[in-house]
């Protein structure tokens, strides 16, 4: 039950960090691998199936890896192919040579990571090394939550490993609820209201994100696209300001009441009465001060730096700074949008 709760938290965190991604669940029990849920972008459907999860018997790592690779090998080259294994067994009962399955996973660029619940197993360490994943063994319940949560953000990708390509996407409209919105929805032709209409073939789908069951167009909403944007263009790390610089800046900002954080407006160094009253020791007591050196060059406190890089994903100073386009057009509003199908470059 505890593992089911940890997985439920991971699923919610995964889709919060990766709104355009899909996830599926495979259960290893009785020496076989069973597909509990198919690849989809509906977190509540996965969590509902986890509530009745009952895993028992021997685990077959080879069967589970083969089933996962078969489901992931059709993913386009611009997508990540990842497998996260939670394993409590100390052995694996496989029908054949697991090294062949590991080689197949590496050939299909599937990255496998393992979280052990008991002790370290050599074959799991070999699997993660061959596929470029990570292997961790949970020490207690709290450590298990932390280790599993670390797999929610997308892993970094080298620019040379994935070529940029155009991905055609559609932004469907939501249909009306009630009797007037009745129609056949999805590939199973379920009669109901609501859903979304594909902008290309006008078929109705039940959820977003996903693919149209008629024309195979990738369907997303604008919030999904906006929430995944920061992974492609992350905020550069801020540089720490030395105590000597803080002392000099505090003297220069004495007339304005001292240095303040550009985000929360808290004092970074208090006001000074005269030049020379701010020593390096006083500046060091102000705490860690960081600066956006690659953009606006504004100062931030440590808490705001943490919030910007882990939650906000944009620099407030850089976003507030006028762009060259705004200066050229005199602040006039510029609109350049298209309805229906759009292309997004992924690289």
Protein backbone atom coordinates (compact mmCIF):
# COMPACT_ATOMS: atom_id res chain seq x y z
CA UNK A 1 0.00 0.00 0.00
CA UNK A 2 2.83 2.38 0.79
CA UNK A 3 4.47 1.74 -2.58
CA UNK A 4 1.14 2.42 -4.30
CA UNK A 5 0.95 5.77 -2.50
CA UNK A 6 4.51 6.63 -3.53
CA UNK A 7 3.73 5.76 -7.14
CA UNK A 8 0.56 7.88 -7.04
CA UNK A 9 2.59 10.88 -5.86
CA UNK A 10 5.16 10.20 -8.56
CA UNK A 11 2.51 10.03 -11.29
CA UNK A 12 1.07 13.41 -10.31
CA UNK A 13 4.53 14.96 -10.11
CA UNK A 14 5.53 13.37 -13.42
CA UNK A 15 2.61 14.86 -15.33
CA UNK A 16 3.09 18.21 -13.61
CA UNK A 17 6.70 18.28 -14.83
CA UNK A 18 5.96 16.61 -18.20
CA UNK A 19 2.45 17.64 -19.31
CA UNK A 20 2.95 16.37 -22.88
CA UNK A 21 4.34 12.97 -21.89
CA UNK A 22 2.62 9.60 -21.64
CA UNK A 23 3.04 6.93 -18.99
CA UNK A 24 2.14 3.27 -18.64
CA UNK A 25 2.34 0.76 -15.79
CA UNK A 26 3.63 -2.82 -16.01
CA UNK A 27 3.38 -5.24 -13.08
CA UNK A 28 5.86 -8.08 -12.50
CA UNK A 29 4.17 -10.92 -10.64
CA UNK A 30 3.98 -14.68 -10.87
CA UNK A 31 6.99 -14.81 -13.19
CA UNK A 32 5.24 -12.83 -15.95
CA UNK A 33 4.82 -9.18 -16.92
CA UNK A 34 1.28 -7.77 -17.08
CA UNK A 35 0.34 -4.45 -18.62
CA UNK A 36 -1.71 -2.68 -15.95
CA UNK A 37 -2.30 0.51 -17.98
CA UNK A 38 -1.44 1.51 -21.52
CA UNK A 39 0.59 4.59 -22.43
CA UNK A 40 -1.63 7.61 -21.86
CA UNK A 41 -1.58 11.13 -20.48
CA UNK A 42 -4.40 10.68 -17.94
CA UNK A 43 -2.88 10.55 -14.42
CA UNK A 44 -6.16 9.75 -12.67
CA UNK A 45 -6.68 6.63 -14.79
CA UNK A 46 -3.26 5.30 -13.75
CA UNK A 47 -3.83 6.13 -10.07
CA UNK A 48 -7.23 4.42 -10.08
CA UNK A 49 -5.68 1.17 -11.31
CA UNK A 50 -2.98 1.40 -8.65
CA UNK A 51 -5.58 1.30 -5.88
CA UNK A 52 -6.34 -2.35 -6.67
CA UNK A 53 -2.72 -3.35 -7.31
CA UNK A 54 -1.74 -6.72 -5.87
CA UNK A 55 1.79 -7.87 -6.74
CA UNK A 56 2.96 -11.27 -5.51
CA UNK A 57 5.15 -14.15 -6.63
CA UNK A 58 8.41 -14.15 -8.53
CA UNK A 59 9.54 -11.18 -10.59
CA UNK A 60 10.78 -11.57 -14.17
CA UNK A 61 12.93 -8.59 -15.06
CA UNK A 62 13.43 -9.82 -18.62
CA UNK A 63 9.72 -10.15 -19.35
CA UNK A 64 9.04 -6.68 -17.96
CA UNK A 65 11.91 -5.12 -19.91
CA UNK A 66 10.83 -6.78 -23.17
CA UNK A 67 7.24 -5.59 -22.73
CA UNK A 68 8.38 -2.04 -21.94
CA UNK A 69 10.74 -1.89 -24.93
CA UNK A 70 8.00 -3.16 -27.24
CA UNK A 71 5.73 -0.33 -26.08
CA UNK A 72 8.39 2.39 -26.26
CA UNK A 73 10.21 1.59 -29.49
CA UNK A 74 7.48 3.29 -31.54
CA UNK A 75 8.05 6.61 -29.75
CA UNK A 76 9.38 9.24 -32.23
CA UNK A 77 13.11 10.03 -32.08
CA UNK A 78 12.56 13.43 -30.45
CA UNK A 79 10.93 11.82 -27.40
CA UNK A 80 12.52 10.23 -24.35
CA UNK A 81 12.15 6.48 -23.88
CA UNK A 82 12.44 5.74 -20.19
CA UNK A 83 11.69 2.81 -17.91
CA UNK A 84 11.56 3.15 -14.12
CA UNK A 85 11.61 -0.17 -12.23
CA UNK A 86 10.64 -0.54 -8.57
CA UNK A 87 12.01 -3.92 -7.54
CA UNK A 88 11.76 -5.56 -4.13
CA UNK A 89 12.96 -9.03 -5.20
CA UNK A 90 16.53 -10.21 -4.75
CA UNK A 91 16.44 -12.38 -7.87
CA UNK A 92 14.76 -12.52 -11.27
CA UNK A 93 13.12 -15.54 -12.91
CA UNK A 94 13.68 -15.12 -16.64
CA UNK A 95 12.76 -17.39 -19.56
CA UNK A 96 15.94 -16.59 -21.50
CA UNK A 97 19.12 -14.55 -21.52
CA UNK A 98 18.45 -11.15 -19.94
CA UNK A 99 21.64 -9.76 -21.50
CA UNK A 100 19.93 -10.02 -24.89
CA UNK A 101 17.03 -7.93 -23.59
CA UNK A 102 19.42 -5.36 -22.16
CA UNK A 103 21.18 -5.12 -25.52
CA UNK A 104 17.82 -4.64 -27.29
CA UNK A 105 16.89 -1.86 -24.86
CA UNK A 106 20.16 -0.09 -25.55
CA UNK A 107 19.69 -0.41 -29.32
CA UNK A 108 16.24 1.18 -29.09
CA UNK A 109 17.63 4.03 -26.90
CA UNK A 110 15.56 3.01 -23.88
CA UNK A 111 16.95 4.44 -20.64
CA UNK A 112 16.23 2.11 -17.72
CA UNK A 113 16.52 3.15 -14.07
CA UNK A 114 15.96 0.93 -11.03
CA UNK A 115 14.91 1.74 -7.47
CA UNK A 116 15.58 -1.22 -5.16
CA UNK A 117 13.44 -1.82 -2.08
CA UNK A 118 15.61 -4.47 -0.43
CA UNK A 119 19.28 -4.82 -1.42
CA UNK A 120 21.52 -4.18 -4.38
CA UNK A 121 21.24 -6.69 -7.24
CA UNK A 122 24.04 -7.10 -9.78
CA UNK A 123 21.80 -7.53 -12.83
CA UNK A 124 19.99 -4.26 -12.00
CA UNK A 125 23.30 -2.42 -11.79
CA UNK A 126 24.33 -3.92 -15.13
CA UNK A 127 21.02 -2.87 -16.70
CA UNK A 128 21.32 0.75 -15.60
CA UNK A 129 24.96 1.05 -16.68
CA UNK A 130 24.28 -0.40 -20.12
CA UNK A 131 21.27 1.85 -20.79
CA UNK A 132 22.49 5.05 -19.14
CA UNK A 133 20.06 5.01 -16.22
CA UNK A 134 20.53 5.26 -12.47
CA UNK A 135 20.35 2.64 -9.73
CA UNK A 136 19.35 3.51 -6.17
CA UNK A 137 18.46 1.44 -3.12
CA UNK A 138 15.96 2.98 -0.72
CA UNK A 139 17.10 3.08 2.91
CA UNK A 140 13.69 3.80 4.43
CA UNK A 141 10.23 5.03 3.47
CA UNK A 142 11.18 8.69 3.35
CA UNK A 143 14.25 7.95 1.25
CA UNK A 144 12.10 5.92 -1.14
CA UNK A 145 9.83 8.93 -1.73
CA UNK A 146 12.82 11.17 -2.41
CA UNK A 147 14.50 8.71 -4.78
CA UNK A 148 11.34 8.08 -6.81
CA UNK A 149 10.54 11.79 -6.99
CA UNK A 150 13.95 12.48 -8.53
CA UNK A 151 12.83 10.67 -11.68
CA UNK A 152 9.93 13.07 -12.35
CA UNK A 153 11.90 15.86 -14.13
CA UNK A 154 13.03 15.00 -17.67
CA UNK A 155 16.68 13.95 -17.97
CA UNK A 156 19.12 16.21 -19.85
CA UNK A 157 19.70 15.42 -23.50
CA UNK A 158 22.81 16.21 -25.49
CA UNK A 159 22.13 18.44 -28.47
CA UNK A 160 24.06 16.12 -30.78
CA UNK A 161 22.04 13.04 -29.81
CA UNK A 162 18.68 14.31 -31.05
CA UNK A 163 18.22 16.14 -34.32
CA UNK A 164 15.75 19.02 -34.38
CA UNK A 165 12.49 18.27 -36.17
CA UNK A 166 9.11 19.84 -36.71
CA UNK A 167 6.23 18.26 -34.80
CA UNK A 168 2.77 18.95 -36.19
CA UNK A 169 0.27 19.51 -33.39
CA UNK A 170 -3.38 20.42 -33.18
CA UNK A 171 -5.15 22.56 -30.60
CA UNK A 172 -8.71 21.17 -30.45
CA UNK A 173 -11.77 22.94 -29.12
CA UNK A 174 -13.70 21.63 -26.14
CA UNK A 175 -17.24 20.48 -26.91
CA UNK A 176 -20.33 21.44 -25.00
CA UNK A 177 -21.62 19.34 -22.13
CA UNK A 178 -25.18 18.10 -21.96
CA UNK A 179 -27.65 16.77 -24.50
CA UNK A 180 -26.65 19.23 -27.23
CA UNK A 181 -23.04 17.96 -27.08
CA UNK A 182 -23.85 14.25 -27.50
CA UNK A 183 -21.61 12.42 -29.95
CA UNK A 184 -19.49 9.30 -30.38
CA UNK A 185 -16.14 9.84 -28.62
CA UNK A 186 -12.85 8.00 -29.02
CA UNK A 187 -11.84 4.84 -30.79
CA UNK A 188 -14.42 2.80 -28.85
CA UNK A 189 -17.24 5.08 -30.16
CA UNK A 190 -18.61 5.79 -26.70
CA UNK A 191 -21.75 7.93 -26.81
CA UNK A 192 -21.40 10.92 -24.53
CA UNK A 193 -21.01 14.68 -24.25
CA UNK A 194 -17.93 16.86 -23.91
CA UNK A 195 -14.59 15.78 -25.25
CA UNK A 196 -12.51 17.62 -27.83
CA UNK A 197 -12.78 17.99 -31.62
CA UNK A 198 -9.71 17.31 -33.74
CA UNK A 199 -9.01 20.37 -35.94
CA UNK A 200 -7.91 18.21 -38.89
CA UNK A 201 -10.48 15.43 -39.25
CA UNK A 202 -13.19 16.69 -36.81
CA UNK A 203 -13.16 13.42 -34.87
CA UNK A 204 -13.85 13.59 -31.13
CA UNK A 205 -11.35 12.52 -28.49
CA UNK A 206 -11.95 12.16 -24.79
CA UNK A 207 -8.80 13.66 -23.24
CA UNK A 208 -5.71 15.77 -23.81
CA UNK A 209 -2.85 15.41 -24.48
CA UNK A 210 -3.06 12.50 -26.85
CA UNK A 211 -3.25 11.46 -30.47
CA UNK A 212 -6.31 11.50 -32.69
CA UNK A 213 -7.53 7.94 -33.25
CA UNK A 214 -8.47 8.77 -36.87
CA UNK A 215 -5.67 10.93 -38.33
CA UNK A 216 -2.99 10.33 -35.63
CA UNK A 217 -2.44 14.07 -35.15
CA UNK A 218 -0.89 14.99 -31.79
CA UNK A 219 -3.49 16.95 -29.82
CA UNK A 220 -2.50 19.28 -26.97
CA UNK A 221 -3.77 22.38 -25.21
CA UNK A 222 -1.88 25.65 -24.90
CA UNK A 223 -1.35 25.26 -21.11
CA UNK A 224 0.30 21.87 -21.71
CA UNK A 225 2.66 23.42 -24.24
CA UNK A 226 3.46 26.38 -22.01
CA UNK A 227 4.24 24.17 -18.99
CA UNK A 228 6.68 22.05 -21.01
CA UNK A 229 8.45 25.07 -22.54
CA UNK A 230 10.80 25.69 -19.61
CA UNK A 231 12.45 22.28 -20.04
CA UNK A 232 13.60 23.32 -23.52
CA UNK A 233 14.90 26.72 -22.37
CA UNK A 234 15.80 26.55 -18.66
CA UNK A 235 16.80 29.61 -16.65
CA UNK A 236 20.63 29.85 -16.50
CA UNK A 237 22.12 29.46 -13.02
CA UNK A 238 22.61 32.73 -11.16
CA UNK A 239 26.10 33.73 -10.05
CA UNK A 240 26.82 34.31 -6.37
CA UNK A 241 27.86 37.85 -5.45
CA UNK A 242 30.94 38.11 -3.26
CA UNK A 243 30.85 39.98 0.07
CA UNK A 244 33.16 42.66 -1.37
CA UNK A 245 30.71 43.33 -4.22
CA UNK A 246 27.76 43.37 -1.81
CA UNK A 247 29.54 45.99 0.30
CA UNK A 248 30.21 48.18 -2.73
CA UNK A 249 26.64 47.80 -4.05
CA UNK A 250 25.19 48.58 -0.62
CA UNK A 251 27.13 51.83 -0.50
CA UNK A 252 25.92 52.77 -3.98
CA UNK A 253 22.29 51.97 -3.04
CA UNK A 254 22.39 53.80 0.28
CA UNK A 255 20.23 56.65 -1.01
CA UNK A 256 17.46 54.17 -1.97
CA UNK A 257 17.45 52.45 1.42
CA UNK A 258 19.88 49.65 0.67
CA UNK A 259 19.97 46.57 -1.52
CA UNK A 260 16.75 44.63 -2.01
CA UNK A 261 15.84 41.41 -3.80
CA UNK A 262 14.35 42.15 -7.21
CA UNK A 263 11.70 39.45 -6.71
CA UNK A 264 10.45 39.66 -3.11
CA UNK A 265 11.83 43.17 -2.26
CA UNK A 266 13.40 41.90 0.97
CA UNK A 267 16.55 43.63 2.16
CA UNK A 268 19.77 42.02 1.02
CA UNK A 269 21.98 44.49 2.88
CA UNK A 270 20.71 47.21 5.16
CA UNK A 271 21.05 50.95 4.57
CA UNK A 272 24.40 52.56 5.39
CA UNK A 273 24.99 55.97 6.88
CA UNK A 274 28.17 56.78 5.04
CA UNK A 275 30.70 55.31 2.71
CA UNK A 276 32.80 52.75 4.54
CA UNK A 277 30.14 51.81 7.15
CA UNK A 278 29.43 48.51 5.35
CA UNK A 279 32.18 45.98 5.95
CA UNK A 280 32.69 42.60 4.35
CA UNK A 281 31.57 40.95 7.59
CA UNK A 282 28.28 42.87 7.55
CA UNK A 283 27.74 41.97 3.90
CA UNK A 284 28.42 38.32 4.60
CA UNK A 285 25.74 38.33 7.31
CA UNK A 286 23.17 39.37 4.70
CA UNK A 287 23.14 35.79 3.41
CA UNK A 288 23.66 34.41 -0.07
CA UNK A 289 23.06 37.02 -2.77
CA UNK A 290 22.87 35.95 -6.42
CA UNK A 291 22.79 37.86 -9.69
CA UNK A 292 21.45 37.11 -13.16
CA UNK A 293 24.70 37.67 -15.04
CA UNK A 294 23.43 36.48 -18.44
CA UNK A 295 20.44 38.80 -18.64
CA UNK A 296 19.01 41.58 -16.50
CA UNK A 297 21.85 41.58 -13.87
CA UNK A 298 19.31 41.96 -11.06
CA UNK A 299 20.02 40.71 -7.54
CA UNK A 300 18.05 37.92 -5.83
CA UNK A 301 18.04 36.28 -2.42
CA UNK A 302 18.64 32.55 -2.01
CA UNK A 303 14.95 31.68 -1.50
CA UNK A 304 13.87 33.51 -4.65
CA UNK A 305 16.69 31.91 -6.63
CA UNK A 306 15.41 28.50 -5.54
CA UNK A 307 11.82 29.40 -6.42
CA UNK A 308 12.79 30.81 -9.84
CA UNK A 309 14.77 27.73 -10.92
CA UNK A 310 12.51 25.03 -9.46
CA UNK A 311 8.98 26.44 -9.76
CA UNK A 312 8.71 29.69 -11.74
CA UNK A 313 11.21 28.78 -14.51
CA UNK A 314 11.51 32.39 -15.72
CA UNK A 315 13.68 35.27 -14.50
CA UNK A 316 11.39 38.17 -13.39
CA UNK A 317 13.99 40.77 -14.30
CA UNK A 318 14.54 39.40 -17.80
CA UNK A 319 10.78 39.05 -18.41
CA UNK A 320 10.15 42.64 -17.30
CA UNK A 321 12.97 44.08 -19.39
CA UNK A 322 11.83 45.61 -22.71
CA UNK A 323 12.74 43.59 -25.78
CA UNK A 324 14.21 44.94 -28.99
CA UNK A 325 10.89 44.31 -30.73
CA UNK A 326 9.07 46.44 -28.15
CA UNK A 327 11.54 49.27 -28.68
CA UNK A 328 11.25 49.06 -32.48
CA UNK A 329 7.44 49.13 -32.42
CA UNK A 330 7.14 51.69 -29.65
CA UNK A 331 5.35 49.30 -27.32
CA UNK A 332 2.62 48.53 -29.87
CA UNK A 333 0.90 45.19 -29.54
CA UNK A 334 2.07 42.63 -32.07
CA UNK A 335 -0.17 39.67 -32.86
CA UNK A 336 1.04 36.73 -34.88
CA UNK A 337 -1.07 33.67 -34.27
CA UNK A 338 -2.78 31.00 -36.32
CA UNK A 339 -5.76 28.87 -35.51
CA UNK A 340 -5.85 25.13 -36.03
CA UNK A 341 -2.60 23.31 -36.74
CA UNK A 342 0.76 24.56 -35.56
CA UNK A 343 4.34 23.32 -35.77
CA UNK A 344 6.78 23.25 -32.89
CA UNK A 345 10.51 22.73 -33.23
CA UNK A 346 11.91 20.23 -30.77
CA UNK A 347 15.59 19.72 -30.37
